[in-house]
C-alpha atoms as a PDB file:
ATOM      1  CA  MET A   1      91.253 101.039 117.854  1.00  0.00           C
ATOM      2  CA  PRO A   2      88.463 100.696 115.318  1.00  0.00           C
ATOM      3  CA  ARG A   3      87.430  97.148 114.495  1.00  0.00           C
ATOM      4  CA  ILE A   4      86.195  96.725 110.946  1.00  0.00           C
ATOM      5  CA  ARG A   5      83.989  93.765 110.020  1.00  0.00           C
ATOM      6  CA  VAL A   6      85.506  91.960 107.042  1.00  0.00           C
ATOM      7  CA  GLY A   7      83.021  91.368 104.253  1.00  0.00           C
ATOM      8  CA  VAL A   8      83.631  88.500 101.855  1.00  0.00           C
ATOM      9  CA  LEU A   9      82.042  87.555  98.556  1.00  0.00           C
ATOM     10  CA  PRO A  10      79.852  84.435  98.391  1.00  0.00           C
ATOM     11  CA  SER A  11      82.541  82.878  96.174  1.00  0.00           C
ATOM     12  CA  THR A  12      85.339  83.558  98.700  1.00  0.00           C
ATOM     13  CA  SER A  13      86.962  80.521 100.280  1.00  0.00           C
ATOM     14  CA  PHE A  14      89.521  80.057 103.044  1.00  0.00           C
ATOM     15  CA  VAL A  15      92.002  77.231 103.577  1.00  0.00           C
ATOM     16  CA  ALA A  16      94.118  76.702 106.689  1.00  0.00           C
ATOM     17  CA  GLY A  17      97.779  77.158 105.827  1.00  0.00           C
ATOM     18  CA  THR A  18      99.322  76.325 109.207  1.00  0.00           C
ATOM     19  CA  LEU A  19      98.528  74.654 112.482  1.00  0.00           C
ATOM     20  CA  ALA A  20      97.389  76.979 115.273  1.00  0.00           C
ATOM     21  CA  VAL A  21     100.407  78.571 116.987  1.00  0.00           C
ATOM     22  CA  PRO A  22     100.174  80.039 120.519  1.00  0.00           C
ATOM     23  CA  LYS A  23     100.278  83.828 120.670  1.00  0.00           C
ATOM     24  CA  TYR A  24     102.466  85.407 123.354  1.00  0.00           C
ATOM     25  CA  SER A  25     102.160  88.787 125.025  1.00  0.00           C
ATOM     26  CA  ASP A  26     105.907  89.190 125.590  1.00  0.00           C
ATOM     27  CA  ALA A  27     109.018  88.949 123.426  1.00  0.00           C
ATOM     28  CA  GLU A  28     110.490  86.196 125.628  1.00  0.00           C
ATOM     29  CA  LYS A  29     107.446  83.998 124.930  1.00  0.00           C
ATOM     30  CA  THR A  30     106.770  83.280 128.585  1.00  0.00           C
ATOM     31  CA  GLN A  31     103.224  84.711 128.846  1.00  0.00           C
ATOM     32  CA  PHE A  32     100.345  83.510 126.672  1.00  0.00           C
ATOM     33  CA  ALA A  33      98.248  86.274 125.140  1.00  0.00           C
ATOM     34  CA  THR A  34      94.659  85.978 126.344  1.00  0.00           C
ATOM     35  CA  ASP A  35      91.283  87.347 125.321  1.00  0.00           C
ATOM     36  CA  ARG A  36      90.481  90.414 127.428  1.00  0.00           C
ATOM     37  CA  GLU A  37      86.853  89.405 127.908  1.00  0.00           C
ATOM     38  CA  THR A  38      86.970  85.619 128.307  1.00  0.00           C
ATOM     39  CA  GLY A  39      90.557  84.915 129.386  1.00  0.00           C
ATOM     40  CA  ALA A  40      90.891  82.239 126.664  1.00  0.00           C
ATOM     41  CA  LYS A  41      94.391  81.667 125.274  1.00  0.00           C
ATOM     42  CA  LEU A  42      94.914  83.192 121.824  1.00  0.00           C
ATOM     43  CA  PHE A  43      96.360  81.396 118.827  1.00  0.00           C
ATOM     44  CA  THR A  44      97.439  82.496 115.352  1.00  0.00           C
ATOM     45  CA  VAL A  45      96.490  80.567 112.224  1.00  0.00           C
ATOM     46  CA  THR A  46      97.649  81.471 108.727  1.00  0.00           C
ATOM     47  CA  LEU A  47      94.700  81.274 106.345  1.00  0.00           C
ATOM     48  CA  PHE A  48      94.749  81.498 102.573  1.00  0.00           C
ATOM     49  CA  LEU A  49      91.896  83.656 101.284  1.00  0.00           C
ATOM     50  CA  MET A  50      90.912  82.855  97.710  1.00  0.00           C
ATOM     51  CA  GLU A  51      88.613  85.267  95.929  1.00  0.00           C
ATOM     52  CA  GLU A  52      87.931  85.354  92.190  1.00  0.00           C
ATOM     53  CA  ASP A  53      91.371  85.861  90.577  1.00  0.00           C
ATOM     54  CA  ARG A  54      93.444  86.507  93.705  1.00  0.00           C
ATOM     55  CA  ALA A  55      94.819  84.698  96.725  1.00  0.00           C
ATOM     56  CA  GLU A  56      96.224  86.189  99.905  1.00  0.00           C
ATOM     57  CA  ALA A  57      97.831  84.778 103.043  1.00  0.00           C
ATOM     58  CA  MET A  58      96.546  86.314 106.255  1.00  0.00           C
ATOM     59  CA  LYS A  59      97.364  85.635 109.887  1.00  0.00           C
ATOM     60  CA  VAL A  60      94.212  85.434 111.986  1.00  0.00           C
ATOM     61  CA  THR A  61      94.068  85.438 115.781  1.00  0.00           C
ATOM     62  CA  VAL A  62      91.518  82.982 117.201  1.00  0.00           C
ATOM     63  CA  PRO A  63      90.780  82.093 120.830  1.00  0.00           C
ATOM     64  CA  GLU A  64      91.535  78.505 121.843  1.00  0.00           C
ATOM     65  CA  THR A  65      87.786  77.952 122.309  1.00  0.00           C
ATOM     66  CA  GLY A  66      87.263  78.796 118.615  1.00  0.00           C
ATOM     67  CA  LEU A  67      89.677  76.210 117.189  1.00  0.00           C
ATOM     68  CA  PRO A  68      87.870  73.152 115.768  1.00  0.00           C
ATOM     69  CA  ASN A  69      89.056  69.577 116.096  1.00  0.00           C
ATOM     70  CA  GLY A  70      90.670  68.487 112.837  1.00  0.00           C
ATOM     71  CA  LEU A  71      92.161  71.888 111.991  1.00  0.00           C
ATOM     72  CA  LYS A  72      95.312  71.311 109.937  1.00  0.00           C
ATOM     73  CA  PRO A  73      96.980  72.751 106.835  1.00  0.00           C
ATOM     74  CA  GLY A  74      94.938  72.294 103.671  1.00  0.00           C
ATOM     75  CA  VAL A  75      91.568  72.064 105.428  1.00  0.00           C
ATOM     76  CA  PRO A  76      88.856  74.456 104.156  1.00  0.00           C
ATOM     77  CA  VAL A  77      87.519  76.702 106.930  1.00  0.00           C
ATOM     78  CA  ILE A  78      85.092  79.556 107.476  1.00  0.00           C
ATOM     79  CA  PRO A  79      86.233  82.355 109.813  1.00  0.00           C
ATOM     80  CA  VAL A  80      83.234  83.436 111.919  1.00  0.00           C
ATOM     81  CA  GLU A  81      82.926  87.080 113.029  1.00  0.00           C
ATOM     82  CA  LEU A  82      86.095  88.113 111.154  1.00  0.00           C
ATOM     83  CA  PHE A  83      87.305  91.615 111.983  1.00  0.00           C
ATOM     84  CA  ALA A  84      90.285  93.723 110.850  1.00  0.00           C
ATOM     85  CA  THR A  85      92.047  96.275 113.057  1.00  0.00           C
ATOM     86  CA  PRO A  86      94.547  98.675 111.452  1.00  0.00           C
ATOM     87  CA  TRP A  87      97.661  99.312 113.561  1.00  0.00           C
ATOM     88  CA  ALA A  88     100.793 101.443 113.421  1.00  0.00           C
ATOM     89  CA  ARG A  89     103.803 101.972 115.674  1.00  0.00           C
ATOM     90  CA  ILE A  90     107.133 103.721 115.577  1.00  0.00           C
ATOM     91  CA  PHE A  91     110.130 101.653 116.684  1.00  0.00           C
ATOM     92  CA  ASN A  92     113.671 103.026 116.526  1.00  0.00           C
ATOM     93  CA  GLY A  93     112.426 105.869 114.353  1.00  0.00           C
ATOM     94  CA  SER A  94     110.830 103.598 111.737  1.00  0.00           C
ATOM     95  CA  LEU A  95     107.108 103.352 111.132  1.00  0.00           C
ATOM     96  CA  SER A  96     105.587  99.881 110.974  1.00  0.00           C
ATOM     97  CA  ASP A  97     101.946  99.371 110.127  1.00  0.00           C
ATOM     98  CA  GLY A  98      99.542  96.678 109.065  1.00  0.00           C
ATOM     99  CA  ILE A  99      96.236  95.031 109.726  1.00  0.00           C
ATOM    100  CA  ALA A 100      95.531  92.581 112.543  1.00  0.00           C
ATOM    101  CA  TYR A 101      92.813  90.018 111.820  1.00  0.00           C
ATOM    102  CA  ARG A 102      90.688  88.407 114.519  1.00  0.00           C
ATOM    103  CA  ALA A 103      87.930  85.777 114.325  1.00  0.00           C
ATOM    104  CA  ASP A 104      85.684  84.429 117.072  1.00  0.00           C
ATOM    105  CA  ARG A 105      86.127  80.929 115.707  1.00  0.00           C
ATOM    106  CA  LEU A 106      86.980  78.830 112.670  1.00  0.00           C
ATOM    107  CA  ASP A 107      84.417  76.363 111.363  1.00  0.00           C
ATOM    108  CA  LEU A 108      85.471  73.421 109.204  1.00  0.00           C
ATOM    109  CA  VAL A 109      83.745  73.379 105.816  1.00  0.00           C
ATOM    110  CA  GLY A 110      81.593  70.236 105.771  1.00  0.00           C
ATOM    111  CA  GLY A 111      83.845  68.965 108.508  1.00  0.00           C
ATOM    112  CA  SER A 112      83.557  66.496 111.326  1.00  0.00           C
ATOM    113  CA  ALA A 113      83.613  69.115 114.085  1.00  0.00           C
ATOM    114  CA  PRO A 114      80.269  70.530 115.173  1.00  0.00           C
ATOM    115  CA  ALA A 115      79.604  73.968 113.718  1.00  0.00           C
ATOM    116  CA  THR A 116      76.804  76.362 114.536  1.00  0.00           C
ATOM    117  CA  GLU A 117      75.346  78.467 111.781  1.00  0.00           C
ATOM    118  CA  THR A 118      74.427  82.081 112.426  1.00  0.00           C
ATOM    119  CA  ALA A 119      71.910  83.613 110.086  1.00  0.00           C
END
């Protein structure tokens, strides 16, 4: 699947909308989903993207190693290495499609957790 780097405007901001929720690889929720390369457990966080005159809720998958201390609803964050992957599947004859978002980590904006800047 093609991964597409998500570009954001300098004025774009993100706010955490939910706590991090574990992601599971099975419908019964008995197996944690893990990163294929590192083996880290994966979590989903709903972020609110605010850009000029629009706002959008987006679910972003983040490895456990990329979740900062102090992450909670209402906290401004910066998703680092944010990518989008389009997906589609047919289930019971109906097409479902969407975009899966993935970030390497979330940094708190001016927060107490250490954050590394990449230039």
